[in-house]
Amino acid sequence: MKHRVMGVINLIHETDELERLTQSRCLATVPFGARYRLIDFALSSMVNSGIHKVAIFAHKKYRSLMDHVGSGSHWDLNNRQSGLFLLPPATDDIQEISRGDLYHFYQHRDYFNRSTLEYVVITRSHMVCNVDFGPIIEYHQEREADITIVCKEQAEQLLGRARKVRMDDDGRITAIQDHYGRMLSDTISMEMYIMKKELLMELVETSLAQGQDHLVRHAIFSRIDQLRIYGYKYEGYLGVVNTLASYYDHNMSLLRPDVWRELFFQPGTVFTKGKDEPPARYLGTSKVVNSLIANGCRIEGTVENSIIFRGVHIRKGAVVRNSIIMQNGDIGENSIVQYSILDKDVRVQCDRDIRGTMTSPFLAGKRKII
C-alpha cells in the first residue's frame, strides 16, 4: 500500500454469544469454513491491502490465539522491520483488565509512538469479509475526514449483533448507535475505523483524562459533532458472526459457490495456518452432496449440506446433514447428526440420533462423548 498504514485488530470486549464455542477460546479463534478461524479474514484483508505492521490487542482466553497466529509467517508477517505483534493486557489485575479498549491502547502506547506510520486501521475479528483498504484510505483522504467508518447496507434481518449508523447524502455520519439497540437504519458499522495515528493517540489520552474508557462509545460517539466522521459503504459479502445463530447461518452460506468465491478470493486470498495432512479419503460406501470437506478426513457414510473440518471420521452407515463437524470429530456407525454444531474432538458413539433445528442447532462442546 502506498499509504503509510498500520493495522490493529481489537479483541477488547468483543460481543460474544457463541456459548460453549468460546468457553475455552476467544471469539477470534473460533473455527469457520472447514479450515479457517474468524481472525483470518481481518489479517488477510490487511496483508492483501499492503499493511505489513499489525497488532492484535488480545484480552482473555488467548492461548489458542497465540497458537494459531504464531509468528505471523502464514500471513507473511514475520518480518524484522514490521510484522505481527500480539499484545496481551499489560496487567494481571482483574479490575484493570475489565477496563475499555482505550485503557489497553494507552498501556501499549509505545507500539504506536515508536512507529513512523501515519494512519491506523482498527478492526474487530467477528466481521467475516474480504476488504481492500486501499480505496478506503483514498476515500478518507479525499473527504479530509478525521475518522472513516466502513459501513454496510443490510436491509435483511441481521442474525449477528452490530451497531447501526446514520449517514447524510454526503456520506457524513450523523448518528452512531451507543450500543446494540433499535436505531431505525439499514446501515451497520463494520467496526472498521481509519484515522491518523496522532488523532488516535489524542483521543486515547483526552478520553482517559475525562474518565472515559471506550473507543466508540466515548472517544468517537461523544465527539460526533466535533470531528469529521464519514462512512465508506462496503459492497462485498459480510457476515457478522458473534451469535450462535449467525455462526451457523454464515457457515452454511459458504455452500453457495458464489458466496465462497466472493469471500475467499475477492479482492484477495484468505490465508490461514497451514497443516500438512493428506487429502480427504472417500470410501466406496460414502456419499457426499453439497458439502465442504477439509483435508485429513475419512468419509465412509453420508454427508449432505455440511461443513466438515480437518481429520473428521464419518463411519459406515452414519448420516450427517446440515451440520458443522469440527476438527478430529468422530461420528459412529449408523448414527444420525442433523442441524448440529460439534466442536473439536467430539465423539458420537454408534446408533445415536442427534437432531437440532435450523433456528436452534444442537451444540456439543469440545471433547464431548455422546
Protein backbone atom coordinates (compact mmCIF):
# COMPACT_ATOMS: atom_id res chain seq x y z
CA MET A 1 0.00 0.00 0.00
CA LYS A 2 1.37 3.40 -0.99
CA HIS A 3 -0.22 4.90 2.12
CA ARG A 4 1.66 4.55 5.39
CA VAL A 5 -0.73 2.40 7.41
CA MET A 6 -0.50 0.21 10.49
CA GLY A 7 -3.17 -2.29 11.48
CA VAL A 8 -4.85 -3.01 14.81
CA ILE A 9 -7.16 -5.98 15.40
CA ASN A 10 -9.02 -5.04 18.57
CA LEU A 11 -10.25 -8.02 20.61
CA ILE A 12 -11.04 -6.00 23.75
CA HIS A 13 -14.62 -6.70 24.90
CA GLU A 14 -15.85 -8.17 21.62
CA THR A 15 -19.51 -9.13 21.80
CA ASP A 16 -19.63 -12.90 22.22
CA GLU A 17 -22.78 -15.02 22.32
CA LEU A 18 -21.36 -18.27 20.96
CA GLU A 19 -21.92 -20.17 24.21
CA ARG A 20 -19.68 -23.25 24.54
CA LEU A 21 -17.77 -22.42 21.34
CA THR A 22 -15.96 -19.66 23.25
CA GLN A 23 -15.79 -21.36 26.62
CA SER A 24 -12.06 -22.02 26.24
CA ARG A 25 -11.12 -19.78 23.29
CA CYS A 26 -11.59 -16.15 22.32
CA LEU A 27 -14.04 -15.23 19.56
CA ALA A 28 -11.17 -14.51 17.15
CA THR A 29 -10.10 -18.16 17.04
CA VAL A 30 -13.50 -19.80 16.61
CA PRO A 31 -13.16 -22.26 13.67
CA PHE A 32 -15.00 -21.25 10.49
CA GLY A 33 -15.48 -22.60 6.99
CA ALA A 34 -13.82 -26.06 7.38
CA ARG A 35 -10.25 -24.84 7.88
CA TYR A 36 -10.17 -21.16 8.92
CA ARG A 37 -10.52 -19.06 12.10
CA LEU A 38 -12.51 -15.83 12.31
CA ILE A 39 -9.39 -13.68 12.72
CA ASP A 40 -8.03 -14.93 9.37
CA PHE A 41 -10.33 -12.55 7.47
CA ALA A 42 -9.10 -9.38 9.19
CA LEU A 43 -5.46 -10.49 8.96
CA SER A 44 -5.72 -11.45 5.29
CA SER A 45 -7.54 -8.24 4.34
CA MET A 46 -4.78 -6.17 5.92
CA VAL A 47 -1.94 -8.13 4.32
CA ASN A 48 -3.59 -8.13 0.90
CA SER A 49 -4.01 -4.35 1.24
CA GLY A 50 -0.27 -3.91 1.80
CA ILE A 51 -0.44 -3.41 5.58
CA HIS A 52 2.65 -5.14 6.97
CA LYS A 53 2.60 -3.99 10.59
CA VAL A 54 -0.32 -5.46 12.52
CA ALA A 55 -1.00 -5.55 16.26
CA ILE A 56 -3.54 -7.88 17.83
CA PHE A 57 -4.82 -6.50 21.12
CA ALA A 58 -5.65 -9.71 22.96
CA HIS A 59 -7.88 -9.69 26.01
CA LYS A 60 -8.94 -13.02 27.53
CA LYS A 61 -8.60 -16.72 26.66
CA TYR A 62 -5.87 -16.01 24.11
CA ARG A 63 -3.84 -19.23 24.35
CA SER A 64 -5.44 -20.59 21.16
CA LEU A 65 -4.82 -17.21 19.53
CA MET A 66 -1.09 -17.46 20.22
CA ASP A 67 -1.05 -20.99 18.83
CA HIS A 68 -2.92 -20.01 15.67
CA VAL A 69 -1.12 -16.82 14.63
CA GLY A 70 2.34 -17.85 15.84
CA SER A 71 4.99 -15.60 14.32
CA GLY A 72 2.63 -14.45 11.57
CA SER A 73 4.50 -16.42 8.90
CA HIS A 74 1.30 -17.80 7.34
CA TRP A 75 0.33 -14.19 6.52
CA ASP A 76 3.89 -13.15 5.61
CA LEU A 77 4.06 -11.02 8.76
CA ASN A 78 7.26 -12.46 10.23
CA ASN A 79 9.43 -9.53 9.24
CA ARG A 80 12.07 -7.83 11.36
CA GLN A 81 11.15 -4.29 10.39
CA SER A 82 7.39 -4.66 10.77
CA GLY A 83 5.41 -7.88 11.21
CA LEU A 84 2.83 -9.19 13.68
CA PHE A 85 2.62 -8.06 17.31
CA LEU A 86 0.44 -9.91 19.82
CA LEU A 87 -0.23 -7.53 22.72
CA PRO A 88 -1.96 -9.09 25.76
CA PRO A 89 -3.14 -6.99 28.73
CA ALA A 90 -0.20 -5.28 30.47
CA THR A 91 -1.56 -6.13 33.93
CA ASP A 92 -2.87 -9.10 35.90
CA ASP A 93 -5.30 -7.01 37.94
CA ILE A 94 -8.86 -8.10 37.17
CA GLN A 95 -10.28 -4.60 37.55
CA GLU A 96 -7.70 -3.19 35.15
CA ILE A 97 -8.26 -5.95 32.59
CA SER A 98 -12.00 -5.24 32.64
CA ARG A 99 -11.47 -1.62 31.55
CA GLY A 100 -12.18 -0.49 27.99
CA ASP A 101 -10.02 -0.62 24.88
CA LEU A 102 -8.70 2.94 25.25
CA TYR A 103 -7.03 1.94 28.51
CA HIS A 104 -5.34 -1.02 26.84
CA PHE A 105 -4.24 1.14 23.90
CA TYR A 106 -2.68 3.53 26.40
CA GLN A 107 -0.86 0.70 28.19
CA HIS A 108 0.73 -0.24 24.84
CA ARG A 109 1.23 3.32 23.60
CA ASP A 110 4.89 2.58 22.83
CA TYR A 111 3.70 0.35 19.97
CA PHE A 112 2.11 3.40 18.37
CA ASN A 113 4.65 6.04 19.36
CA ARG A 114 7.65 4.13 18.03
CA SER A 115 6.11 3.74 14.59
CA THR A 116 6.62 6.28 11.81
CA LEU A 117 3.46 5.13 10.00
CA GLU A 118 0.83 7.84 9.55
CA TYR A 119 -2.53 6.04 9.55
CA VAL A 120 -4.17 3.37 11.70
CA VAL A 121 -6.81 0.85 10.56
CA ILE A 122 -8.68 -0.60 13.55
CA THR A 123 -10.86 -3.69 13.05
CA ARG A 124 -12.62 -6.39 15.04
CA SER A 125 -12.40 -10.14 14.40
CA HIS A 126 -16.09 -11.03 14.11
CA MET A 127 -16.72 -9.30 10.77
CA VAL A 128 -16.34 -12.03 8.15
CA CYS A 129 -15.48 -10.20 4.93
CA ASN A 130 -12.72 -9.64 2.39
CA VAL A 131 -11.81 -5.95 2.26
CA ASP A 132 -9.35 -3.90 0.23
CA PHE A 133 -8.38 -0.99 2.48
CA GLY A 134 -6.61 0.90 -0.32
CA PRO A 135 -9.74 2.61 -1.76
CA ILE A 136 -11.00 3.30 1.77
CA ILE A 137 -7.81 5.18 2.67
CA GLU A 138 -8.12 7.19 -0.57
CA TYR A 139 -11.77 7.98 0.27
CA HIS A 140 -10.67 9.05 3.75
CA GLN A 141 -8.12 11.45 2.27
CA GLU A 142 -10.42 12.84 -0.43
CA ARG A 143 -13.07 13.71 2.18
CA GLU A 144 -10.45 15.15 4.51
CA ALA A 145 -12.08 13.05 7.19
CA ASP A 146 -10.89 12.77 10.76
CA ILE A 147 -12.34 9.27 11.01
CA THR A 148 -13.78 6.97 8.37
CA ILE A 149 -16.05 4.09 9.40
CA VAL A 150 -16.57 1.19 6.99
CA CYS A 151 -20.32 0.52 6.75
CA LYS A 152 -22.67 -1.88 5.02
CA GLU A 153 -26.27 -1.52 3.85
CA GLN A 154 -28.04 -4.53 5.37
CA ALA A 155 -31.80 -4.36 4.86
CA GLU A 156 -32.45 -8.05 5.62
CA GLN A 157 -32.60 -9.41 9.15
CA LEU A 158 -29.20 -9.45 10.84
CA LEU A 159 -28.54 -12.58 12.91
CA GLY A 160 -25.37 -11.18 14.47
CA ARG A 161 -25.17 -8.09 16.66
CA ALA A 162 -23.86 -4.83 15.17
CA ARG A 163 -24.11 -1.10 15.74
CA LYS A 164 -26.25 0.91 13.35
CA VAL A 165 -25.32 4.33 12.00
CA ARG A 166 -26.98 7.12 10.06
CA MET A 167 -25.34 8.96 7.17
CA ASP A 168 -26.33 12.10 5.28
CA ASP A 169 -26.30 12.41 1.48
CA ASP A 170 -22.66 13.49 1.55
CA GLY A 171 -21.61 10.36 3.43
CA ARG A 172 -21.04 12.03 6.77
CA ILE A 173 -22.03 10.06 9.86
CA THR A 174 -24.76 11.91 11.75
CA ALA A 175 -25.60 9.32 14.41
CA ILE A 176 -23.99 6.22 15.88
CA GLN A 177 -25.83 3.70 17.99
CA ASP A 178 -24.48 3.87 21.52
CA HIS A 179 -24.80 0.11 21.75
CA TYR A 180 -26.83 -2.63 20.09
CA GLY A 181 -30.33 -1.13 20.16
CA ARG A 182 -33.22 -0.23 17.88
CA MET A 183 -31.99 2.63 15.71
CA LEU A 184 -34.11 2.94 12.56
CA SER A 185 -31.40 2.49 9.94
CA ASP A 186 -30.35 -0.18 7.44
CA THR A 187 -26.70 0.88 7.67
CA ILE A 188 -24.50 -1.04 10.08
CA SER A 189 -20.99 -0.29 11.24
CA MET A 190 -18.45 -2.97 10.32
CA GLU A 191 -16.35 -1.85 13.32
CA MET A 192 -13.54 -0.76 11.00
CA TYR A 193 -12.10 2.69 11.71
CA ILE A 194 -9.48 4.63 9.74
CA MET A 195 -7.77 7.66 11.25
CA LYS A 196 -4.37 9.22 11.67
CA LYS A 197 -2.24 7.74 14.41
CA GLU A 198 -1.81 11.17 16.01
CA LEU A 199 -5.59 11.58 16.30
CA LEU A 200 -5.96 8.13 17.86
CA MET A 201 -3.33 8.92 20.49
CA GLU A 202 -5.00 12.26 21.21
CA LEU A 203 -8.39 10.55 21.64
CA VAL A 204 -6.85 7.94 23.93
CA GLU A 205 -5.23 10.48 26.24
CA THR A 206 -8.04 13.05 26.36
CA SER A 207 -10.76 10.42 26.86
CA LEU A 208 -8.88 8.67 29.66
CA ALA A 209 -8.26 12.03 31.33
CA GLN A 210 -12.05 12.52 31.37
CA GLY A 211 -12.65 9.07 32.87
CA GLN A 212 -13.74 7.51 29.58
CA ASP A 213 -12.57 4.04 28.56
CA HIS A 214 -14.17 3.03 25.25
CA LEU A 215 -13.13 3.99 21.72
CA VAL A 216 -16.54 4.01 20.03
CA ARG A 217 -18.89 4.82 22.90
CA HIS A 218 -16.73 7.60 24.36
CA ALA A 219 -13.96 8.80 22.05
CA ILE A 220 -16.00 8.72 18.81
CA PHE A 221 -19.69 8.78 19.74
CA SER A 222 -19.35 11.75 22.11
CA ARG A 223 -17.40 13.77 19.52
CA ILE A 224 -19.62 13.17 16.51
CA ASP A 225 -20.37 16.92 16.23
CA GLN A 226 -16.72 17.93 16.66
CA LEU A 227 -14.98 15.51 14.27
CA ARG A 228 -15.44 14.96 10.55
CA ILE A 229 -16.63 11.35 10.62
CA TYR A 230 -17.52 9.77 7.27
CA GLY A 231 -18.89 6.38 6.27
CA TYR A 232 -17.49 4.27 3.45
CA LYS A 233 -20.07 1.85 2.04
CA TYR A 234 -18.70 -1.65 1.52
CA GLU A 235 -20.39 -3.63 -1.26
CA GLY A 236 -18.99 -7.14 -0.75
CA TYR A 237 -20.15 -10.09 1.32
CA LEU A 238 -20.39 -9.54 5.07
CA GLY A 239 -21.11 -11.96 7.88
CA VAL A 240 -21.48 -10.56 11.41
CA VAL A 241 -20.53 -13.62 13.47
CA ASN A 242 -20.95 -13.09 17.20
CA THR A 243 -24.07 -15.13 17.98
CA LEU A 244 -24.70 -18.85 17.61
CA ALA A 245 -27.43 -18.27 15.01
CA SER A 246 -25.16 -16.08 12.88
CA TYR A 247 -22.28 -18.55 13.19
CA TYR A 248 -24.42 -21.41 11.89
CA ASP A 249 -26.06 -19.34 9.13
CA HIS A 250 -22.84 -17.88 7.71
CA ASN A 251 -21.10 -21.23 7.72
CA MET A 252 -23.99 -22.72 5.79
CA SER A 253 -23.92 -19.84 3.30
CA LEU A 254 -20.44 -20.99 2.24
CA LEU A 255 -22.10 -23.93 0.50
CA ARG A 256 -23.21 -21.45 -2.16
CA PRO A 257 -20.39 -21.26 -4.76
CA ASP A 258 -20.95 -17.53 -5.38
CA VAL A 259 -20.51 -16.72 -1.68
CA TRP A 260 -17.44 -18.98 -1.40
CA ARG A 261 -15.71 -17.35 -4.37
CA GLU A 262 -16.50 -13.80 -3.29
CA LEU A 263 -15.49 -14.24 0.35
CA PHE A 264 -12.28 -16.23 -0.06
CA PHE A 265 -10.84 -14.90 -3.32
CA GLN A 266 -12.11 -11.34 -3.98
CA PRO A 267 -10.29 -8.98 -3.83
CA GLY A 268 -7.57 -11.26 -2.39
CA THR A 269 -6.99 -14.73 -1.00
CA VAL A 270 -7.84 -15.50 2.64
CA PHE A 271 -4.87 -17.15 4.36
CA THR A 272 -4.80 -19.38 7.43
CA LYS A 273 -2.43 -21.54 9.43
CA GLY A 274 -1.31 -24.43 7.22
CA LYS A 275 -1.28 -28.04 8.32
CA ASP A 276 0.36 -30.91 6.46
CA GLU A 277 -2.34 -33.54 6.19
CA PRO A 278 -3.32 -35.99 3.41
CA PRO A 279 -6.33 -35.32 1.18
CA ALA A 280 -9.74 -36.46 2.35
CA ARG A 281 -10.40 -40.14 1.71
CA TYR A 282 -13.77 -41.28 0.36
CA LEU A 283 -14.52 -44.99 0.68
CA GLY A 284 -16.91 -46.94 -1.53
CA THR A 285 -19.79 -46.62 0.93
CA SER A 286 -19.54 -42.82 1.09
CA LYS A 287 -21.98 -40.32 -0.35
CA VAL A 288 -21.25 -36.57 -0.24
CA VAL A 289 -23.64 -33.88 -1.52
CA ASN A 290 -23.11 -30.08 -1.45
CA SER A 291 -20.59 -30.06 1.40
CA LEU A 292 -17.17 -28.67 2.30
CA ILE A 293 -14.77 -31.43 3.29
CA ALA A 294 -11.34 -30.44 4.63
CA ASN A 295 -8.15 -32.46 4.20
CA GLY A 296 -7.37 -35.37 6.50
CA CYS A 297 -10.98 -36.60 6.66
CA ARG A 298 -12.14 -40.21 6.23
CA ILE A 299 -15.66 -40.47 4.82
CA GLU A 300 -17.46 -43.83 4.88
CA GLY A 301 -21.03 -42.63 5.45
CA THR A 302 -23.34 -39.91 4.04
CA VAL A 303 -22.65 -36.18 4.26
CA GLU A 304 -25.17 -33.65 2.93
CA ASN A 305 -25.14 -29.83 3.14
CA SER A 306 -22.48 -29.81 5.84
CA ILE A 307 -19.14 -28.25 6.82
CA ILE A 308 -16.56 -30.90 7.79
CA PHE A 309 -13.26 -29.75 9.31
CA ARG A 310 -9.86 -31.47 9.21
CA GLY A 311 -9.40 -35.02 10.41
CA VAL A 312 -13.08 -35.90 10.85
CA HIS A 313 -14.11 -39.57 10.56
CA ILE A 314 -17.66 -40.28 9.32
CA ARG A 315 -18.06 -44.02 9.84
CA LYS A 316 -20.03 -46.52 7.76
CA GLY A 317 -23.79 -46.01 7.86
CA ALA A 318 -23.53 -42.63 9.60
CA VAL A 319 -25.56 -39.72 8.20
CA VAL A 320 -24.56 -36.05 8.68
CA ARG A 321 -26.92 -33.40 7.33
CA ASN A 322 -26.98 -29.61 7.66
CA SER A 323 -24.28 -29.72 10.32
CA ILE A 324 -20.84 -28.40 11.27
CA ILE A 325 -18.35 -31.00 12.47
CA MET A 326 -15.08 -29.52 13.71
CA GLN A 327 -11.57 -30.93 13.74
CA ASN A 328 -11.00 -34.60 14.65
CA GLY A 329 -14.68 -35.34 15.19
CA ASP A 330 -15.75 -38.98 15.06
CA ILE A 331 -19.28 -39.96 14.02
CA GLY A 332 -20.02 -43.57 14.93
CA GLU A 333 -21.59 -46.20 12.70
CA ASN A 334 -25.30 -45.79 11.87
CA SER A 335 -25.56 -42.53 13.82
CA ILE A 336 -27.60 -39.58 12.56
CA VAL A 337 -26.47 -35.97 13.07
CA GLN A 338 -28.74 -33.19 11.78
CA TYR A 339 -28.70 -29.43 12.35
CA SER A 340 -25.84 -29.69 14.80
CA ILE A 341 -22.56 -27.96 15.66
CA LEU A 342 -19.96 -30.31 17.13
CA ASP A 343 -16.79 -28.69 18.46
CA LYS A 344 -13.29 -30.21 18.20
CA ASP A 345 -12.69 -33.84 19.23
CA VAL A 346 -16.37 -34.64 19.79
CA ARG A 347 -17.13 -38.35 19.57
CA VAL A 348 -20.59 -39.61 18.66
CA GLN A 349 -20.97 -43.28 19.51
CA CYS A 350 -22.74 -45.86 17.34
CA ASP A 351 -26.51 -45.73 16.72
CA ARG A 352 -27.03 -42.24 18.16
CA ASP A 353 -29.67 -39.83 16.82
CA ILE A 354 -28.79 -36.14 17.29
CA ARG A 355 -31.16 -33.56 15.86
CA GLY A 356 -31.34 -29.80 16.29
CA THR A 357 -33.32 -27.34 14.17
CA MET A 358 -32.33 -24.72 11.62
CA THR A 359 -33.08 -21.91 14.07
CA SER A 360 -31.71 -23.73 17.13
CA PRO A 361 -28.90 -26.14 16.19
CA PHE A 362 -27.69 -28.69 18.73
CA LEU A 363 -24.31 -27.67 20.17
CA ALA A 364 -21.71 -30.01 21.70
CA GLY A 365 -18.61 -28.61 23.40
CA LYS A 366 -15.01 -29.75 22.99
CA ARG A 367 -14.17 -33.42 23.59
CA LYS A 368 -17.73 -34.33 24.47
CA ILE A 369 -18.73 -38.00 24.10
CA ILE A 370 -22.33 -38.50 23.02
